[in-house]
Structures are given as C-alpha cells and as structure tokens.
C-alpha cells in the first residue's frame, strides 16, 4: 500500500492559519490550539506516509492588503512556522507546490525558505507516478460559492490536461489534486479523478479574532487534509479528513430579553 498525505493552504503567520505551539498567543489561543491539536491527533492515527505533498500558500505574507490579521509580518518567521508545522508529518518524501504570489512573494519567495528548511524540492506543478498511477498536483484552481460551480471548476483541470497532453505529446494524469479554494470537492469521470484539498486555515469567526467580518463571507469552507492510498492492484482510495468546525469556531444565538430568575 502506497500512502500519500495531501495538505494545502496553511497560511502560516495569519491569526487563522496553522500555528505551531511556540507561536501561540493568549488572544488567539482559542483559534490556534484546536486546529493544531486536531491535526496532530489525526496524524498520529495515520502514522508514517510515503509521500507528503503540500499544495501551496505556506505563508500568509507581509500583509499587502492589511496587517491586523497577522501574528507577524516577518516572512522569514512565517516560513519558520510553516517548516515546523509541516515537519511534524512523518514522510519518506516531501514535495511542495508554489502558492499565490499575494501570500508567498515579496522581495523573495517565502516558500523557497520553507523548502530549504525542510530539505525538499518545490515547484509550480508536480507530476508523480506512484503505483502505476499518474498524479498532477498544483495550487491554483477556480473557486465557486455556487454548488454546481464547484464541480465545474475542478473538472476543468481534467479537460485542460487532456487537451495539453494531445498538444504536447505526453500521457495525461489519472488523478488531479488542487488547493487554493479552501474547501473539499471531488469530481470523477470513468477514468479520471480530480479533487480540491481542504485548507489548514480557519474561516473568519464571528467574534474572537474578527478580522474580516465586514466583508462578504465565503459560503463553503473545509479545514483538514486528504489521505490517498494505492493498493497493489493500482486502485486508488481518496479520503478527506475534515475537522469539525465547532472545535474552533462556535456560532451561537444570544437572547437579549432573557431575564435571570432570582432564588
């Protein structure tokens, strides 16, 4: 059995991103701790894997649009956080993909720092052949808050590769993994599978850490990762591991008319 762990979008350095314990702060502990502990617990259950691949946006960046949501604007420190956070995965081989420049590029590539710290390679796209199965991994994919649009966005990746393979005379992939959209979605055809990996960054909470609550919120959001297993016959099993959002973000109703009874 070949085992592949796929993660994406940790956005280290953001209050809502993946934050190792050494960077926990009192004001954000209720957000950082649940994600870290849930993920660490799931990784212990899974145990060692053959391949660990991370689909980009490893850091959140220096705050081009704003800095209130950042734990630190030091991108080298963000890269260190990412290396520590990703490094707890026990894997024989590790591969990183570049994310979006908004979060990962300033006067240098922050993600190159992470790759150097972890001693692994980083590229825009990874084409890997494992157990006879061809995989295509990269960061960017279209995002949609319309349910039927989610399938369309990831299905395009299959069609695009088929056309490019014809034009450039190579074998198209069997399985496609994408990040960027921050939700889990999977599309299957008779011979292909494409999925969007969930994120390691929390959505915007209502109260604690309310950084972006005034803007239109994304409707679909999943925190977690994906475990892929390939058996000796070449059959591929793709299983998402999703964190219950209520572990970190609770949405509750309050009643201003409620009166406490005496006695």
C-alpha atoms as a PDB file:
ATOM      1  CA  UNK A   1       0.000   0.000   0.000  1.00  0.00           C
ATOM      2  CA  UNK A   2       1.378   3.402  -1.057  1.00  0.00           C
ATOM      3  CA  UNK A   3       0.192   6.216   1.221  1.00  0.00           C
ATOM      4  CA  UNK A   4       0.099   9.900   0.242  1.00  0.00           C
ATOM      5  CA  UNK A   5      -0.827  12.757   2.566  1.00  0.00           C
ATOM      6  CA  UNK A   6      -2.034  15.889   0.769  1.00  0.00           C
ATOM      7  CA  UNK A   7      -2.301  19.207   2.607  1.00  0.00           C
ATOM      8  CA  UNK A   8      -2.826  22.763   1.409  1.00  0.00           C
ATOM      9  CA  UNK A   9      -3.050  26.424   2.388  1.00  0.00           C
ATOM     10  CA  UNK A  10      -1.679  26.560   5.944  1.00  0.00           C
ATOM     11  CA  UNK A  11      -1.242  30.379   5.631  1.00  0.00           C
ATOM     12  CA  UNK A  12       1.283  30.398   8.476  1.00  0.00           C
ATOM     13  CA  UNK A  13       1.646  33.822  10.057  1.00  0.00           C
ATOM     14  CA  UNK A  14      -2.061  34.610   9.972  1.00  0.00           C
ATOM     15  CA  UNK A  15      -4.126  34.502  13.146  1.00  0.00           C
ATOM     16  CA  UNK A  16      -6.378  31.925  11.494  1.00  0.00           C
ATOM     17  CA  UNK A  17      -3.550  29.933   9.871  1.00  0.00           C
ATOM     18  CA  UNK A  18      -1.718  26.829  11.059  1.00  0.00           C
ATOM     19  CA  UNK A  19       0.248  27.932  14.120  1.00  0.00           C
ATOM     20  CA  UNK A  20       2.763  25.715  15.987  1.00  0.00           C
ATOM     21  CA  UNK A  21       2.670  25.916  19.814  1.00  0.00           C
ATOM     22  CA  UNK A  22       5.794  28.101  20.101  1.00  0.00           C
ATOM     23  CA  UNK A  23       3.860  30.896  18.394  1.00  0.00           C
ATOM     24  CA  UNK A  24       0.608  30.623  20.325  1.00  0.00           C
ATOM     25  CA  UNK A  25      -0.612  33.894  21.831  1.00  0.00           C
ATOM     26  CA  UNK A  26      -3.153  34.332  24.582  1.00  0.00           C
ATOM     27  CA  UNK A  27      -5.552  36.370  22.455  1.00  0.00           C
ATOM     28  CA  UNK A  28      -5.590  33.798  19.629  1.00  0.00           C
ATOM     29  CA  UNK A  29      -5.179  30.568  21.612  1.00  0.00           C
ATOM     30  CA  UNK A  30      -8.834  29.616  21.138  1.00  0.00           C
ATOM     31  CA  UNK A  31      -8.228  29.591  17.378  1.00  0.00           C
ATOM     32  CA  UNK A  32      -4.692  28.200  17.087  1.00  0.00           C
ATOM     33  CA  UNK A  33      -4.835  25.371  19.614  1.00  0.00           C
ATOM     34  CA  UNK A  34      -7.902  23.417  18.360  1.00  0.00           C
ATOM     35  CA  UNK A  35      -6.610  23.219  14.783  1.00  0.00           C
ATOM     36  CA  UNK A  36      -3.117  22.190  15.836  1.00  0.00           C
ATOM     37  CA  UNK A  37      -4.323  19.547  18.288  1.00  0.00           C
ATOM     38  CA  UNK A  38      -6.950  18.095  15.939  1.00  0.00           C
ATOM     39  CA  UNK A  39      -4.429  17.786  13.102  1.00  0.00           C
ATOM     40  CA  UNK A  40      -1.704  16.359  15.347  1.00  0.00           C
ATOM     41  CA  UNK A  41      -4.154  13.761  16.658  1.00  0.00           C
ATOM     42  CA  UNK A  42      -5.194  12.729  13.144  1.00  0.00           C
ATOM     43  CA  UNK A  43      -1.563  12.476  12.038  1.00  0.00           C
ATOM     44  CA  UNK A  44      -0.804  10.172  14.976  1.00  0.00           C
ATOM     45  CA  UNK A  45      -3.668   7.900  13.919  1.00  0.00           C
ATOM     46  CA  UNK A  46      -2.446   7.815  10.316  1.00  0.00           C
ATOM     47  CA  UNK A  47       1.201   7.209  11.184  1.00  0.00           C
ATOM     48  CA  UNK A  48       4.068   7.440   8.669  1.00  0.00           C
ATOM     49  CA  UNK A  49       3.299   8.011   4.982  1.00  0.00           C
ATOM     50  CA  UNK A  50       5.332   7.523   1.828  1.00  0.00           C
ATOM     51  CA  UNK A  51       4.627  10.917   0.282  1.00  0.00           C
ATOM     52  CA  UNK A  52       3.734  14.258   1.873  1.00  0.00           C
ATOM     53  CA  UNK A  53       2.714  16.913  -0.648  1.00  0.00           C
ATOM     54  CA  UNK A  54       1.608  20.445   0.233  1.00  0.00           C
ATOM     55  CA  UNK A  55      -0.246  22.465  -2.393  1.00  0.00           C
ATOM     56  CA  UNK A  56       0.937  25.986  -1.667  1.00  0.00           C
ATOM     57  CA  UNK A  57       0.162  29.159   0.281  1.00  0.00           C
ATOM     58  CA  UNK A  58       2.518  28.001   3.012  1.00  0.00           C
ATOM     59  CA  UNK A  59       2.763  31.547   4.392  1.00  0.00           C
ATOM     60  CA  UNK A  60       0.270  34.399   4.536  1.00  0.00           C
ATOM     61  CA  UNK A  61       2.723  37.108   3.505  1.00  0.00           C
ATOM     62  CA  UNK A  62       3.693  40.570   4.782  1.00  0.00           C
ATOM     63  CA  UNK A  63       0.159  41.931   4.681  1.00  0.00           C
ATOM     64  CA  UNK A  64      -0.171  43.616   1.307  1.00  0.00           C
ATOM     65  CA  UNK A  65      -3.835  44.475   1.930  1.00  0.00           C
ATOM     66  CA  UNK A  66      -3.758  44.644   5.743  1.00  0.00           C
ATOM     67  CA  UNK A  67      -1.728  43.516   8.773  1.00  0.00           C
ATOM     68  CA  UNK A  68      -4.310  43.313  11.578  1.00  0.00           C
ATOM     69  CA  UNK A  69      -4.894  39.636  10.844  1.00  0.00           C
ATOM     70  CA  UNK A  70      -1.230  38.644  11.112  1.00  0.00           C
ATOM     71  CA  UNK A  71       0.651  37.188  14.046  1.00  0.00           C
ATOM     72  CA  UNK A  72       3.824  38.523  12.433  1.00  0.00           C
ATOM     73  CA  UNK A  73       4.712  40.407   9.264  1.00  0.00           C
ATOM     74  CA  UNK A  74       8.203  38.868   9.255  1.00  0.00           C
ATOM     75  CA  UNK A  75       8.029  36.474   6.301  1.00  0.00           C
ATOM     76  CA  UNK A  76      11.143  34.596   7.434  1.00  0.00           C
ATOM     77  CA  UNK A  77       9.424  33.879  10.724  1.00  0.00           C
ATOM     78  CA  UNK A  78       6.295  32.801   8.843  1.00  0.00           C
ATOM     79  CA  UNK A  79       8.457  30.406   6.802  1.00  0.00           C
ATOM     80  CA  UNK A  80       9.900  29.012  10.023  1.00  0.00           C
ATOM     81  CA  UNK A  81       6.390  28.461  11.358  1.00  0.00           C
ATOM     82  CA  UNK A  82       5.454  26.616   8.164  1.00  0.00           C
ATOM     83  CA  UNK A  83       8.547  24.406   8.302  1.00  0.00           C
ATOM     84  CA  UNK A  84       7.832  23.457  11.919  1.00  0.00           C
ATOM     85  CA  UNK A  85       4.139  22.860  11.277  1.00  0.00           C
ATOM     86  CA  UNK A  86       4.608  20.776   8.145  1.00  0.00           C
ATOM     87  CA  UNK A  87       7.651  18.997   9.539  1.00  0.00           C
ATOM     88  CA  UNK A  88       5.672  17.017  12.104  1.00  0.00           C
ATOM     89  CA  UNK A  89       4.358  14.815   9.290  1.00  0.00           C
ATOM     90  CA  UNK A  90       6.421  11.631   9.152  1.00  0.00           C
ATOM     91  CA  UNK A  91       7.073  11.026   5.459  1.00  0.00           C
ATOM     92  CA  UNK A  92       9.710   9.313   3.334  1.00  0.00           C
ATOM     93  CA  UNK A  93       9.457  12.020   0.656  1.00  0.00           C
ATOM     94  CA  UNK A  94       8.093  15.555   0.763  1.00  0.00           C
ATOM     95  CA  UNK A  95       7.088  17.825  -2.137  1.00  0.00           C
ATOM     96  CA  UNK A  96       5.909  21.439  -2.042  1.00  0.00           C
ATOM     97  CA  UNK A  97       3.970  23.492  -4.607  1.00  0.00           C
ATOM     98  CA  UNK A  98       4.184  27.251  -5.005  1.00  0.00           C
ATOM     99  CA  UNK A  99       1.086  29.169  -3.912  1.00  0.00           C
ATOM    100  CA  UNK A 100      -0.312  32.540  -4.988  1.00  0.00           C
ATOM    101  CA  UNK A 101       2.194  35.455  -5.121  1.00  0.00           C
ATOM    102  CA  UNK A 102      -0.083  37.642  -2.953  1.00  0.00           C
ATOM    103  CA  UNK A 103       0.718  35.428   0.042  1.00  0.00           C
ATOM    104  CA  UNK A 104       4.075  33.939  -0.838  1.00  0.00           C
ATOM    105  CA  UNK A 105       6.175  36.509  -2.705  1.00  0.00           C
ATOM    106  CA  UNK A 106       7.576  39.886  -1.658  1.00  0.00           C
ATOM    107  CA  UNK A 107      11.234  40.725  -2.278  1.00  0.00           C
ATOM    108  CA  UNK A 108      11.854  36.972  -2.102  1.00  0.00           C
ATOM    109  CA  UNK A 109       9.952  33.702  -2.335  1.00  0.00           C
ATOM    110  CA  UNK A 110       8.869  32.837   1.204  1.00  0.00           C
ATOM    111  CA  UNK A 111       8.091  29.277   0.159  1.00  0.00           C
ATOM    112  CA  UNK A 112      11.659  28.706  -1.024  1.00  0.00           C
ATOM    113  CA  UNK A 113      12.686  29.324   2.588  1.00  0.00           C
ATOM    114  CA  UNK A 114      10.285  26.609   3.739  1.00  0.00           C
ATOM    115  CA  UNK A 115      11.571  24.139   1.157  1.00  0.00           C
ATOM    116  CA  UNK A 116      15.168  24.800   2.225  1.00  0.00           C
ATOM    117  CA  UNK A 117      14.306  24.339   5.904  1.00  0.00           C
ATOM    118  CA  UNK A 118      12.546  21.032   5.179  1.00  0.00           C
ATOM    119  CA  UNK A 119      15.221  19.861   2.739  1.00  0.00           C
ATOM    120  CA  UNK A 120      12.769  19.221  -0.087  1.00  0.00           C
ATOM    121  CA  UNK A 121      12.006  20.493  -3.584  1.00  0.00           C
ATOM    122  CA  UNK A 122       9.336  22.982  -4.564  1.00  0.00           C
ATOM    123  CA  UNK A 123       7.782  23.509  -7.998  1.00  0.00           C
ATOM    124  CA  UNK A 124       4.699  25.045  -9.630  1.00  0.00           C
ATOM    125  CA  UNK A 125       3.372  21.625 -10.673  1.00  0.00           C
ATOM    126  CA  UNK A 126       4.298  18.099  -9.612  1.00  0.00           C
ATOM    127  CA  UNK A 127       3.704  15.151 -11.911  1.00  0.00           C
ATOM    128  CA  UNK A 128       4.304  11.980  -9.927  1.00  0.00           C
ATOM    129  CA  UNK A 129       3.823   8.348 -10.920  1.00  0.00           C
ATOM    130  CA  UNK A 130       3.076   6.166  -7.909  1.00  0.00           C
ATOM    131  CA  UNK A 131       1.968   2.546  -8.062  1.00  0.00           C
ATOM    132  CA  UNK A 132       1.400   2.966 -11.790  1.00  0.00           C
ATOM    133  CA  UNK A 133      -0.975   5.898 -11.187  1.00  0.00           C
ATOM    134  CA  UNK A 134      -0.163   9.312 -12.692  1.00  0.00           C
ATOM    135  CA  UNK A 135      -0.783  12.294 -10.369  1.00  0.00           C
ATOM    136  CA  UNK A 136      -0.871  16.007 -11.198  1.00  0.00           C
ATOM    137  CA  UNK A 137      -0.591  18.388  -8.225  1.00  0.00           C
ATOM    138  CA  UNK A 138      -0.590  22.195  -8.202  1.00  0.00           C
ATOM    139  CA  UNK A 139      -2.060  25.082  -6.224  1.00  0.00           C
ATOM    140  CA  UNK A 140      -4.452  27.222  -8.247  1.00  0.00           C
ATOM    141  CA  UNK A 141      -7.966  26.193  -9.231  1.00  0.00           C
ATOM    142  CA  UNK A 142     -11.118  28.246  -9.739  1.00  0.00           C
ATOM    143  CA  UNK A 143     -13.346  28.807  -6.703  1.00  0.00           C
ATOM    144  CA  UNK A 144     -17.133  28.939  -6.549  1.00  0.00           C
ATOM    145  CA  UNK A 145     -19.721  29.555  -3.844  1.00  0.00           C
ATOM    146  CA  UNK A 146     -22.379  28.146  -6.169  1.00  0.00           C
ATOM    147  CA  UNK A 147     -22.699  24.375  -5.552  1.00  0.00           C
ATOM    148  CA  UNK A 148     -22.787  23.319  -9.205  1.00  0.00           C
ATOM    149  CA  UNK A 149     -19.937  25.698  -9.966  1.00  0.00           C
ATOM    150  CA  UNK A 150     -17.596  23.849  -7.625  1.00  0.00           C
ATOM    151  CA  UNK A 151     -17.675  20.732  -9.767  1.00  0.00           C
ATOM    152  CA  UNK A 152     -17.195  22.729 -12.949  1.00  0.00           C
ATOM    153  CA  UNK A 153     -14.053  24.430 -11.641  1.00  0.00           C
ATOM    154  CA  UNK A 154     -12.217  21.236 -10.733  1.00  0.00           C
ATOM    155  CA  UNK A 155     -13.494  19.267 -13.752  1.00  0.00           C
ATOM    156  CA  UNK A 156     -11.820  21.881 -15.965  1.00  0.00           C
ATOM    157  CA  UNK A 157      -8.477  20.627 -14.688  1.00  0.00           C
ATOM    158  CA  UNK A 158      -9.125  17.195 -16.213  1.00  0.00           C
ATOM    159  CA  UNK A 159     -10.155  18.657 -19.574  1.00  0.00           C
ATOM    160  CA  UNK A 160      -7.237  21.110 -19.636  1.00  0.00           C
ATOM    161  CA  UNK A 161      -4.700  18.331 -19.069  1.00  0.00           C
ATOM    162  CA  UNK A 162      -6.276  16.110 -21.714  1.00  0.00           C
ATOM    163  CA  UNK A 163      -6.012  18.885 -24.315  1.00  0.00           C
ATOM    164  CA  UNK A 164      -2.495  19.870 -23.277  1.00  0.00           C
ATOM    165  CA  UNK A 165      -1.404  16.225 -23.402  1.00  0.00           C
ATOM    166  CA  UNK A 166      -2.611  15.979 -27.002  1.00  0.00           C
ATOM    167  CA  UNK A 167      -0.816  19.172 -27.978  1.00  0.00           C
ATOM    168  CA  UNK A 168       2.447  18.347 -26.216  1.00  0.00           C
ATOM    169  CA  UNK A 169       2.505  14.556 -26.669  1.00  0.00           C
ATOM    170  CA  UNK A 170       2.600  13.317 -23.094  1.00  0.00           C
ATOM    171  CA  UNK A 171       0.416  10.996 -21.038  1.00  0.00           C
ATOM    172  CA  UNK A 172      -2.366  12.822 -19.167  1.00  0.00           C
ATOM    173  CA  UNK A 173      -2.740  12.344 -15.423  1.00  0.00           C
ATOM    174  CA  UNK A 174      -5.165   9.962 -13.750  1.00  0.00           C
ATOM    175  CA  UNK A 175      -5.608  11.950 -10.504  1.00  0.00           C
ATOM    176  CA  UNK A 176      -5.528  15.723 -10.032  1.00  0.00           C
ATOM    177  CA  UNK A 177      -5.022  17.479  -6.693  1.00  0.00           C
ATOM    178  CA  UNK A 178      -5.580  21.214  -6.275  1.00  0.00           C
ATOM    179  CA  UNK A 179      -5.591  23.670  -3.357  1.00  0.00           C
ATOM    180  CA  UNK A 180      -6.450  27.391  -3.171  1.00  0.00           C
ATOM    181  CA  UNK A 181     -10.250  27.153  -2.835  1.00  0.00           C
ATOM    182  CA  UNK A 182     -10.274  26.202   0.893  1.00  0.00           C
ATOM    183  CA  UNK A 183     -12.953  23.530   0.567  1.00  0.00           C
ATOM    184  CA  UNK A 184     -13.168  19.813  -0.220  1.00  0.00           C
ATOM    185  CA  UNK A 185     -14.656  18.824  -3.550  1.00  0.00           C
ATOM    186  CA  UNK A 186     -14.223  15.769  -5.760  1.00  0.00           C
ATOM    187  CA  UNK A 187     -15.154  15.008  -9.361  1.00  0.00           C
ATOM    188  CA  UNK A 188     -14.959  11.580 -11.024  1.00  0.00           C
ATOM    189  CA  UNK A 189     -15.154  10.537 -14.666  1.00  0.00           C
ATOM    190  CA  UNK A 190     -14.942   6.898 -15.793  1.00  0.00           C
ATOM    191  CA  UNK A 191     -11.134   7.140 -15.921  1.00  0.00           C
ATOM    192  CA  UNK A 192     -10.128  10.299 -14.020  1.00  0.00           C
ATOM    193  CA  UNK A 193     -10.466  11.839 -10.563  1.00  0.00           C
ATOM    194  CA  UNK A 194      -9.902  15.454  -9.549  1.00  0.00           C
ATOM    195  CA  UNK A 195     -10.229  16.902  -6.079  1.00  0.00           C
ATOM    196  CA  UNK A 196      -9.766  20.173  -4.222  1.00  0.00           C
ATOM    197  CA  UNK A 197      -7.897  19.767  -0.952  1.00  0.00           C
ATOM    198  CA  UNK A 198      -9.332  21.411   2.169  1.00  0.00           C
ATOM    199  CA  UNK A 199      -7.341  24.141   3.902  1.00  0.00           C
ATOM    200  CA  UNK A 200      -5.392  24.324   7.170  1.00  0.00           C
ATOM    201  CA  UNK A 201      -6.619  27.893   7.770  1.00  0.00           C
ATOM    202  CA  UNK A 202      -9.805  28.629   9.686  1.00  0.00           C
ATOM    203  CA  UNK A 203     -12.645  30.693   8.195  1.00  0.00           C
ATOM    204  CA  UNK A 204     -13.472  34.050   9.757  1.00  0.00           C
ATOM    205  CA  UNK A 205     -15.033  33.721  13.204  1.00  0.00           C
ATOM    206  CA  UNK A 206     -17.951  35.830  14.397  1.00  0.00           C
ATOM    207  CA  UNK A 207     -16.314  37.383  17.441  1.00  0.00           C
ATOM    208  CA  UNK A 208     -12.859  36.293  18.592  1.00  0.00           C
ATOM    209  CA  UNK A 209     -10.292  37.321  16.022  1.00  0.00           C
ATOM    210  CA  UNK A 210     -12.931  39.120  13.955  1.00  0.00           C
ATOM    211  CA  UNK A 211     -10.601  40.457  11.272  1.00  0.00           C
ATOM    212  CA  UNK A 212     -12.637  40.370   8.067  1.00  0.00           C
ATOM    213  CA  UNK A 213     -16.203  40.026   9.292  1.00  0.00           C
ATOM    214  CA  UNK A 214     -17.431  43.139   7.470  1.00  0.00           C
ATOM    215  CA  UNK A 215     -16.910  41.703   4.022  1.00  0.00           C
ATOM    216  CA  UNK A 216     -18.893  39.090   2.103  1.00  0.00           C
ATOM    217  CA  UNK A 217     -18.006  35.692   3.515  1.00  0.00           C
ATOM    218  CA  UNK A 218     -17.300  32.527   1.629  1.00  0.00           C
ATOM    219  CA  UNK A 219     -20.115  30.037   1.986  1.00  0.00           C
ATOM    220  CA  UNK A 220     -18.121  26.823   1.609  1.00  0.00           C
ATOM    221  CA  UNK A 221     -15.100  26.147   3.780  1.00  0.00           C
ATOM    222  CA  UNK A 222     -13.429  22.948   4.967  1.00  0.00           C
ATOM    223  CA  UNK A 223     -10.449  22.559   7.290  1.00  0.00           C
ATOM    224  CA  UNK A 224      -8.456  19.341   7.029  1.00  0.00           C
ATOM    225  CA  UNK A 225      -6.384  17.290   4.610  1.00  0.00           C
ATOM    226  CA  UNK A 226      -6.592  14.281   2.283  1.00  0.00           C
ATOM    227  CA  UNK A 227      -5.182  10.767   2.654  1.00  0.00           C
ATOM    228  CA  UNK A 228      -4.646   8.801  -0.569  1.00  0.00           C
ATOM    229  CA  UNK A 229      -3.867   5.088  -0.580  1.00  0.00           C
ATOM    230  CA  UNK A 230      -2.980   2.946  -3.590  1.00  0.00           C
ATOM    231  CA  UNK A 231      -3.273  -0.824  -3.208  1.00  0.00           C
ATOM    232  CA  UNK A 232      -1.187  -3.434  -5.014  1.00  0.00           C
ATOM    233  CA  UNK A 233      -3.733  -3.653  -7.853  1.00  0.00           C
ATOM    234  CA  UNK A 234      -3.403   0.086  -8.550  1.00  0.00           C
ATOM    235  CA  UNK A 235      -6.802   1.010  -7.121  1.00  0.00           C
ATOM    236  CA  UNK A 236      -6.810   4.498  -5.599  1.00  0.00           C
ATOM    237  CA  UNK A 237      -8.661   5.382  -2.393  1.00  0.00           C
ATOM    238  CA  UNK A 238      -9.050   9.105  -1.682  1.00  0.00           C
ATOM    239  CA  UNK A 239     -10.341  10.025   1.783  1.00  0.00           C
ATOM    240  CA  UNK A 240     -10.691  13.552   3.197  1.00  0.00           C
ATOM    241  CA  UNK A 241     -10.156  14.144   6.919  1.00  0.00           C
ATOM    242  CA  UNK A 242     -12.233  17.178   7.913  1.00  0.00           C
ATOM    243  CA  UNK A 243     -12.116  18.983  11.250  1.00  0.00           C
ATOM    244  CA  UNK A 244     -15.492  19.686  12.876  1.00  0.00           C
ATOM    245  CA  UNK A 245     -15.571  23.471  12.656  1.00  0.00           C
ATOM    246  CA  UNK A 246     -17.256  23.792  16.047  1.00  0.00           C
ATOM    247  CA  UNK A 247     -13.990  22.753  17.707  1.00  0.00           C
ATOM    248  CA  UNK A 248     -12.600  26.221  16.994  1.00  0.00           C
ATOM    249  CA  UNK A 249     -15.480  28.403  15.848  1.00  0.00           C
ATOM    250  CA  UNK A 250     -18.839  28.345  17.582  1.00  0.00           C
ATOM    251  CA  UNK A 251     -21.868  30.120  16.205  1.00  0.00           C
ATOM    252  CA  UNK A 252     -24.386  30.690  18.968  1.00  0.00           C
ATOM    253  CA  UNK A 253     -27.531  32.742  19.401  1.00  0.00           C
ATOM    254  CA  UNK A 254     -27.995  35.134  22.311  1.00  0.00           C
ATOM    255  CA  UNK A 255     -31.297  36.322  23.744  1.00  0.00           C
ATOM    256  CA  UNK A 256     -31.174  39.950  24.945  1.00  0.00           C
ATOM    257  CA  UNK A 257     -34.631  39.555  26.534  1.00  0.00           C
ATOM    258  CA  UNK A 258     -33.595  36.709  28.774  1.00  0.00           C
ATOM    259  CA  UNK A 259     -34.030  37.659  32.449  1.00  0.00           C
ATOM    260  CA  UNK A 260     -32.327  35.715  35.217  1.00  0.00           C
ATOM    261  CA  UNK A 261     -34.759  34.486  37.867  1.00  0.00           C
ATOM    262  CA  UNK A 262     -33.942  35.171  41.488  1.00  0.00           C
ATOM    263  CA  UNK A 263     -33.903  32.405  44.070  1.00  0.00           C
END
